[in-house]
PDB file of N, CA and C in Angstrom:
ATOM      1  N   MET A   1       3.395  14.151   2.480  1.00  0.00           N
ATOM      2  CA  MET A   1       4.337  13.996   1.477  1.00  0.00           C
ATOM      3  C   MET A   1       4.964  12.570   1.483  1.00  0.00           C
ATOM      4  N   PRO A   2       5.108  11.903   0.385  1.00  0.00           N
ATOM      5  CA  PRO A   2       5.678  10.600   0.267  1.00  0.00           C
ATOM      6  C   PRO A   2       7.087  10.433   0.892  1.00  0.00           C
ATOM      7  N   THR A   3       7.347   9.382   1.455  1.00  0.00           N
ATOM      8  CA  THR A   3       8.594   9.061   2.087  1.00  0.00           C
ATOM      9  C   THR A   3       9.577   8.619   0.956  1.00  0.00           C
ATOM     10  N   GLU A   4      10.817   9.116   0.933  1.00  0.00           N
ATOM     11  CA  GLU A   4      11.849   8.725  -0.064  1.00  0.00           C
ATOM     12  C   GLU A   4      12.590   7.605   0.535  1.00  0.00           C
ATOM     13  N   ARG A   5      12.632   6.528  -0.227  1.00  0.00           N
ATOM     14  CA  ARG A   5      13.370   5.337   0.335  1.00  0.00           C
ATOM     15  C   ARG A   5      14.514   5.034  -0.468  1.00  0.00           C
ATOM     16  N   ARG A   6      15.728   4.894   0.046  1.00  0.00           N
ATOM     17  CA  ARG A   6      16.924   4.613  -0.724  1.00  0.00           C
ATOM     18  C   ARG A   6      17.349   3.176  -0.846  1.00  0.00           C
ATOM     19  N   GLU A   7      16.797   2.296  -0.118  1.00  0.00           N
ATOM     20  CA  GLU A   7      17.169   0.800  -0.182  1.00  0.00           C
ATOM     21  C   GLU A   7      16.235   0.158  -1.105  1.00  0.00           C
ATOM     22  N   LYS A   8      16.761  -0.905  -1.763  1.00  0.00           N
ATOM     23  CA  LYS A   8      15.992  -1.653  -2.650  1.00  0.00           C
ATOM     24  C   LYS A   8      14.777  -2.250  -1.875  1.00  0.00           C
ATOM     25  N   PRO A   9      13.496  -2.152  -2.437  1.00  0.00           N
ATOM     26  CA  PRO A   9      12.406  -2.682  -1.756  1.00  0.00           C
ATOM     27  C   PRO A   9      12.446  -4.165  -1.606  1.00  0.00           C
ATOM     28  N   LYS A  10      11.903  -4.758  -0.686  1.00  0.00           N
ATOM     29  CA  LYS A  10      11.841  -6.184  -0.556  1.00  0.00           C
ATOM     30  C   LYS A  10      10.432  -6.569  -0.051  1.00  0.00           C
ATOM     31  N   VAL A  11      10.078  -7.880  -0.438  1.00  0.00           N
ATOM     32  CA  VAL A  11       8.800  -8.379   0.146  1.00  0.00           C
ATOM     33  C   VAL A  11       8.737  -8.164   1.632  1.00  0.00           C
ATOM     34  N   GLY A  12       7.588  -7.705   2.045  1.00  0.00           N
ATOM     35  CA  GLY A  12       7.487  -7.481   3.608  1.00  0.00           C
ATOM     36  C   GLY A  12       7.443  -6.038   3.941  1.00  0.00           C
ATOM     37  N   ASP A  13       8.122  -5.166   3.003  1.00  0.00           N
ATOM     38  CA  ASP A  13       8.177  -3.671   3.247  1.00  0.00           C
ATOM     39  C   ASP A  13       6.756  -3.074   3.295  1.00  0.00           C
ATOM     40  N   THR A  14       6.550  -2.115   4.153  1.00  0.00           N
ATOM     41  CA  THR A  14       5.229  -1.498   4.189  1.00  0.00           C
ATOM     42  C   THR A  14       5.371   0.016   3.693  1.00  0.00           C
ATOM     43  N   PHE A  15       4.173   0.311   3.175  1.00  0.00           N
ATOM     44  CA  PHE A  15       4.043   1.772   2.497  1.00  0.00           C
ATOM     45  C   PHE A  15       2.753   2.303   2.960  1.00  0.00           C
ATOM     46  N   ARG A  16       2.570   3.653   2.901  1.00  0.00           N
ATOM     47  CA  ARG A  16       1.344   4.328   3.231  1.00  0.00           C
ATOM     48  C   ARG A  16       0.663   5.082   2.087  1.00  0.00           C
ATOM     49  N   THR A  17      -0.601   5.288   2.229  1.00  0.00           N
ATOM     50  CA  THR A  17      -1.323   6.059   1.235  1.00  0.00           C
ATOM     51  C   THR A  17      -0.529   7.372   0.903  1.00  0.00           C
ATOM     52  N   GLY A  18      -0.503   7.560  -0.426  1.00  0.00           N
ATOM     53  CA  GLY A  18       0.183   8.929  -0.847  1.00  0.00           C
ATOM     54  C   GLY A  18       1.494   8.563  -1.239  1.00  0.00           C
ATOM     55  N   GLU A  19       2.293   7.482  -0.772  1.00  0.00           N
ATOM     56  CA  GLU A  19       3.555   7.316  -1.231  1.00  0.00           C
ATOM     57  C   GLU A  19       3.587   6.633  -2.617  1.00  0.00           C
ATOM     58  N   PHE A  20       4.655   6.663  -3.325  1.00  0.00           N
ATOM     59  CA  PHE A  20       4.749   6.092  -4.673  1.00  0.00           C
ATOM     60  C   PHE A  20       5.327   4.605  -4.597  1.00  0.00           C
ATOM     61  N   ALA A  21       4.623   3.730  -5.334  1.00  0.00           N
ATOM     62  CA  ALA A  21       5.054   2.316  -5.336  1.00  0.00           C
ATOM     63  C   ALA A  21       6.574   2.327  -5.946  1.00  0.00           C
ATOM     64  N   PRO A  22       7.490   1.670  -5.130  1.00  0.00           N
ATOM     65  CA  PRO A  22       8.890   1.704  -5.626  1.00  0.00           C
ATOM     66  C   PRO A  22       9.177   0.650  -6.680  1.00  0.00           C
ATOM     67  N   VAL A  23       8.339  -0.383  -6.819  1.00  0.00           N
ATOM     68  CA  VAL A  23       8.461  -1.415  -7.804  1.00  0.00           C
ATOM     69  C   VAL A  23       7.013  -1.938  -8.153  1.00  0.00           C
ATOM     70  N   SER A  24       6.891  -2.382  -9.322  1.00  0.00           N
ATOM     71  CA  SER A  24       5.681  -3.141  -9.737  1.00  0.00           C
ATOM     72  C   SER A  24       5.503  -4.332  -8.926  1.00  0.00           C
ATOM     73  N   GLY A  25       4.311  -4.545  -8.395  1.00  0.00           N
ATOM     74  CA  GLY A  25       4.070  -5.827  -7.726  1.00  0.00           C
ATOM     75  C   GLY A  25       2.731  -5.771  -7.143  1.00  0.00           C
ATOM     76  N   VAL A  26       2.532  -6.714  -6.201  1.00  0.00           N
ATOM     77  CA  VAL A  26       1.125  -6.858  -5.508  1.00  0.00           C
ATOM     78  C   VAL A  26       1.356  -6.336  -4.114  1.00  0.00           C
ATOM     79  N   TYR A  27       0.418  -5.685  -3.693  1.00  0.00           N
ATOM     80  CA  TYR A  27       0.486  -5.063  -2.273  1.00  0.00           C
ATOM     81  C   TYR A  27      -0.740  -5.509  -1.525  1.00  0.00           C
ATOM     82  N   GLU A  28      -0.667  -5.789  -0.234  1.00  0.00           N
ATOM     83  CA  GLU A  28      -1.777  -6.184   0.541  1.00  0.00           C
ATOM     84  C   GLU A  28      -2.207  -5.156   1.567  1.00  0.00           C
ATOM     85  N   PHE A  29      -3.456  -5.078   1.847  1.00  0.00           N
ATOM     86  CA  PHE A  29      -3.888  -4.101   2.872  1.00  0.00           C
ATOM     87  C   PHE A  29      -3.435  -4.685   4.250  1.00  0.00           C
ATOM     88  N   VAL A  30      -2.755  -3.797   5.060  1.00  0.00           N
ATOM     89  CA  VAL A  30      -2.396  -4.194   6.274  1.00  0.00           C
ATOM     90  C   VAL A  30      -3.514  -3.590   7.469  1.00  0.00           C
ATOM     91  N   GLY A  31      -3.757  -2.324   7.176  1.00  0.00           N
ATOM     92  CA  GLY A  31      -4.781  -1.645   8.116  1.00  0.00           C
ATOM     93  C   GLY A  31      -4.760  -0.207   7.949  1.00  0.00           C
ATOM     94  N   HIS A  32      -5.701   0.484   8.599  1.00  0.00           N
ATOM     95  CA  HIS A  32      -5.765   1.907   8.532  1.00  0.00           C
ATOM     96  C   HIS A  32      -4.576   2.499   9.245  1.00  0.00           C
ATOM     97  N   ALA A  33      -4.133   3.615   8.735  1.00  0.00           N
ATOM     98  CA  ALA A  33      -2.799   4.170   9.252  1.00  0.00           C
ATOM     99  C   ALA A  33      -3.160   4.804  10.648  1.00  0.00           C
ATOM    100  N   ASP A  34      -4.375   5.175  10.971  1.00  0.00           N
ATOM    101  CA  ASP A  34      -4.630   5.541  12.296  1.00  0.00           C
ATOM    102  C   ASP A  34      -4.974   4.524  13.402  1.00  0.00           C
ATOM    103  N   GLY A  35      -5.021   3.287  12.888  1.00  0.00           N
ATOM    104  CA  GLY A  35      -5.113   2.192  13.812  1.00  0.00           C
ATOM    105  C   GLY A  35      -6.670   1.847  13.945  1.00  0.00           C
ATOM    106  N   THR A  36      -7.566   2.511  13.400  1.00  0.00           N
ATOM    107  CA  THR A  36      -8.936   2.116  13.494  1.00  0.00           C
ATOM    108  C   THR A  36      -9.282   0.817  12.864  1.00  0.00           C
ATOM    109  N   PRO A  37     -10.422   0.085  13.295  1.00  0.00           N
ATOM    110  CA  PRO A  37     -10.634  -1.178  12.667  1.00  0.00           C
ATOM    111  C   PRO A  37     -10.832  -1.124  11.294  1.00  0.00           C
ATOM    112  N   ALA A  38     -10.264  -2.222  10.611  1.00  0.00           N
ATOM    113  CA  ALA A  38     -10.206  -2.263   9.142  1.00  0.00           C
ATOM    114  C   ALA A  38     -11.310  -3.147   8.660  1.00  0.00           C
ATOM    115  N   SER A  39     -11.945  -2.809   7.523  1.00  0.00           N
ATOM    116  CA  SER A  39     -12.869  -3.706   6.804  1.00  0.00           C
ATOM    117  C   SER A  39     -12.935  -3.370   5.306  1.00  0.00           C
ATOM    118  N   PRO A  40     -11.667  -3.771   4.686  1.00  0.00           N
ATOM    119  CA  PRO A  40     -11.665  -3.440   3.240  1.00  0.00           C
ATOM    120  C   PRO A  40     -12.442  -4.325   2.480  1.00  0.00           C
ATOM    121  N   SER A  41     -12.843  -3.835   1.296  1.00  0.00           N
ATOM    122  CA  SER A  41     -13.730  -4.597   0.412  1.00  0.00           C
ATOM    123  C   SER A  41     -12.828  -5.788  -0.192  1.00  0.00           C
ATOM    124  N   PRO A  42     -13.354  -6.840  -0.597  1.00  0.00           N
ATOM    125  CA  PRO A  42     -12.525  -7.971  -1.204  1.00  0.00           C
ATOM    126  C   PRO A  42     -11.578  -7.463  -2.274  1.00  0.00           C
ATOM    127  N   GLY A  43     -12.028  -6.567  -3.063  1.00  0.00           N
ATOM    128  CA  GLY A  43     -11.225  -6.062  -4.175  1.00  0.00           C
ATOM    129  C   GLY A  43     -10.074  -5.098  -3.701  1.00  0.00           C
ATOM    130  N   GLU A  44      -9.991  -4.749  -2.559  1.00  0.00           N
ATOM    131  CA  GLU A  44      -8.884  -3.890  -2.067  1.00  0.00           C
ATOM    132  C   GLU A  44      -8.089  -4.524  -1.062  1.00  0.00           C
ATOM    133  N   GLN A  45      -8.264  -5.764  -0.758  1.00  0.00           N
ATOM    134  CA  GLN A  45      -7.329  -6.555   0.153  1.00  0.00           C
ATOM    135  C   GLN A  45      -6.005  -6.763  -0.442  1.00  0.00           C
ATOM    136  N   ARG A  46      -5.873  -7.035  -1.771  1.00  0.00           N
ATOM    137  CA  ARG A  46      -4.652  -7.135  -2.558  1.00  0.00           C
ATOM    138  C   ARG A  46      -4.728  -6.383  -3.836  1.00  0.00           C
ATOM    139  N   ILE A  47      -3.920  -5.539  -4.062  1.00  0.00           N
ATOM    140  CA  ILE A  47      -3.988  -4.732  -5.205  1.00  0.00           C
ATOM    141  C   ILE A  47      -2.629  -4.782  -6.107  1.00  0.00           C
ATOM    142  N   PRO A  48      -2.677  -4.732  -7.405  1.00  0.00           N
ATOM    143  CA  PRO A  48      -1.511  -4.569  -8.202  1.00  0.00           C
ATOM    144  C   PRO A  48      -1.142  -3.125  -8.362  1.00  0.00           C
ATOM    145  N   LEU A  49       0.078  -2.768  -8.310  1.00  0.00           N
ATOM    146  CA  LEU A  49       0.494  -1.372  -8.617  1.00  0.00           C
ATOM    147  C   LEU A  49       1.647  -1.418  -9.544  1.00  0.00           C
ATOM    148  N   SER A  50       1.766  -0.461 -10.384  1.00  0.00           N
ATOM    149  CA  SER A  50       3.072  -0.362 -11.231  1.00  0.00           C
ATOM    150  C   SER A  50       3.990   0.595 -10.473  1.00  0.00           C
ATOM    151  N   ARG A  51       5.116   0.526 -10.841  1.00  0.00           N
ATOM    152  CA  ARG A  51       6.228   1.385 -10.209  1.00  0.00           C
ATOM    153  C   ARG A  51       5.751   2.826 -10.492  1.00  0.00           C
ATOM    154  N   GLY A  52       5.827   3.679  -9.485  1.00  0.00           N
ATOM    155  CA  GLY A  52       5.516   5.073  -9.661  1.00  0.00           C
ATOM    156  C   GLY A  52       4.021   5.546  -9.318  1.00  0.00           C
ATOM    157  N   GLU A  53       3.172   4.453  -9.268  1.00  0.00           N
ATOM    158  CA  GLU A  53       1.783   4.736  -8.964  1.00  0.00           C
ATOM    159  C   GLU A  53       1.726   5.074  -7.435  1.00  0.00           C
ATOM    160  N   ARG A  54       0.645   5.908  -7.090  1.00  0.00           N
ATOM    161  CA  ARG A  54       0.443   6.277  -5.705  1.00  0.00           C
ATOM    162  C   ARG A  54      -0.328   5.210  -4.922  1.00  0.00           C
ATOM    163  N   PHE A  55       0.042   4.929  -3.720  1.00  0.00           N
ATOM    164  CA  PHE A  55      -0.729   3.988  -3.000  1.00  0.00           C
ATOM    165  C   PHE A  55      -2.166   4.753  -2.635  1.00  0.00           C
ATOM    166  N   PRO A  56      -3.315   3.968  -2.869  1.00  0.00           N
ATOM    167  CA  PRO A  56      -4.485   4.597  -2.636  1.00  0.00           C
ATOM    168  C   PRO A  56      -4.987   4.580  -1.267  1.00  0.00           C
ATOM    169  N   PRO A  57      -6.015   5.316  -0.787  1.00  0.00           N
ATOM    170  CA  PRO A  57      -6.655   5.234   0.417  1.00  0.00           C
ATOM    171  C   PRO A  57      -7.633   4.005   0.407  1.00  0.00           C
ATOM    172  N   CYS A  58      -8.197   3.673   1.494  1.00  0.00           N
ATOM    173  CA  CYS A  58      -9.233   2.686   1.653  1.00  0.00           C
ATOM    174  C   CYS A  58     -10.487   3.239   0.950  1.00  0.00           C
ATOM    175  N   ARG A  59     -10.942   2.704  -0.014  1.00  0.00           N
ATOM    176  CA  ARG A  59     -12.158   3.147  -0.784  1.00  0.00           C
ATOM    177  C   ARG A  59     -13.422   3.155   0.118  1.00  0.00           C
ATOM    178  N   ALA A  60     -13.555   2.157   0.921  1.00  0.00           N
ATOM    179  CA  ALA A  60     -14.651   1.945   1.744  1.00  0.00           C
ATOM    180  C   ALA A  60     -14.861   3.049   2.781  1.00  0.00           C
ATOM    181  N   HIS A  61     -13.693   3.640   3.246  1.00  0.00           N
ATOM    182  CA  HIS A  61     -13.720   4.665   4.308  1.00  0.00           C
ATOM    183  C   HIS A  61     -13.041   5.921   3.806  1.00  0.00           C
ATOM    184  N   ASN A  62     -12.447   5.986   2.613  1.00  0.00           N
ATOM    185  CA  ASN A  62     -11.677   7.164   2.193  1.00  0.00           C
ATOM    186  C   ASN A  62     -10.599   7.610   3.284  1.00  0.00           C
ATOM    187  N   ALA A  63      -9.924   6.637   3.742  1.00  0.00           N
ATOM    188  CA  ALA A  63      -9.091   6.723   4.941  1.00  0.00           C
ATOM    189  C   ALA A  63      -7.551   6.260   4.414  1.00  0.00           C
ATOM    190  N   PRO A  64      -6.557   6.941   4.946  1.00  0.00           N
ATOM    191  CA  PRO A  64      -5.234   6.405   4.685  1.00  0.00           C
ATOM    192  C   PRO A  64      -4.912   5.027   5.218  1.00  0.00           C
ATOM    193  N   VAL A  65      -4.206   4.275   4.514  1.00  0.00           N
ATOM    194  CA  VAL A  65      -3.928   2.852   4.934  1.00  0.00           C
ATOM    195  C   VAL A  65      -2.447   2.522   4.834  1.00  0.00           C
ATOM    196  N   ILE A  66      -2.176   1.351   5.344  1.00  0.00           N
ATOM    197  CA  ILE A  66      -0.797   0.859   5.194  1.00  0.00           C
ATOM    198  C   ILE A  66      -0.809  -0.383   4.350  1.00  0.00           C
ATOM    199  N   TRP A  67       0.038  -0.410   3.279  1.00  0.00           N
ATOM    200  CA  TRP A  67       0.078  -1.578   2.376  1.00  0.00           C
ATOM    201  C   TRP A  67       1.422  -2.313   2.570  1.00  0.00           C
ATOM    202  N   ARG A  68       1.452  -3.643   2.329  1.00  0.00           N
ATOM    203  CA  ARG A  68       2.629  -4.403   2.472  1.00  0.00           C
ATOM    204  C   ARG A  68       2.809  -4.983   1.017  1.00  0.00           C
ATOM    205  N   LEU A  69       4.197  -4.998   0.619  1.00  0.00           N
ATOM    206  CA  LEU A  69       4.579  -5.625  -0.576  1.00  0.00           C
ATOM    207  C   LEU A  69       4.613  -7.192  -0.365  1.00  0.00           C
ATOM    208  N   VAL A  70       3.826  -7.903  -1.244  1.00  0.00           N
ATOM    209  CA  VAL A  70       3.803  -9.258  -1.158  1.00  0.00           C
ATOM    210  C   VAL A  70       4.303 -10.061  -2.399  1.00  0.00           C
ATOM    211  N   GLU A  71       4.549  -9.383  -3.446  1.00  0.00           N
ATOM    212  CA  GLU A  71       4.988 -10.082  -4.681  1.00  0.00           C
ATOM    213  C   GLU A  71       5.641  -8.896  -5.508  1.00  0.00           C
ATOM    214  N   ILE A  72       6.849  -9.193  -6.043  1.00  0.00           N
ATOM    215  CA  ILE A  72       7.407  -8.217  -6.939  1.00  0.00           C
ATOM    216  C   ILE A  72       7.290  -8.776  -8.452  1.00  0.00           C
ATOM    217  N   ALA A  73       6.742  -7.941  -9.195  1.00  0.00           N
ATOM    218  CA  ALA A  73       6.468  -8.339 -10.579  1.00  0.00           C
ATOM    219  C   ALA A  73       7.652  -8.337 -11.530  1.00  0.00           C
TER     220      ALA A  73
END
């Protein structure tokens, strides 16, 4: 179940697969949520998401990952 956040999101905040993007922006792949070695495809190292979209899993491994907000749109 997605985590509910009450603070205004800021660059550097992290999010997990299944949570909803709190703001539109660019998010970068940090790593697999379970700590296994990561090898994301070039197309999923940074992804644009609109506010309210769900954070996706790693397509290459269909595994939950951690995303970091790097740019607010």
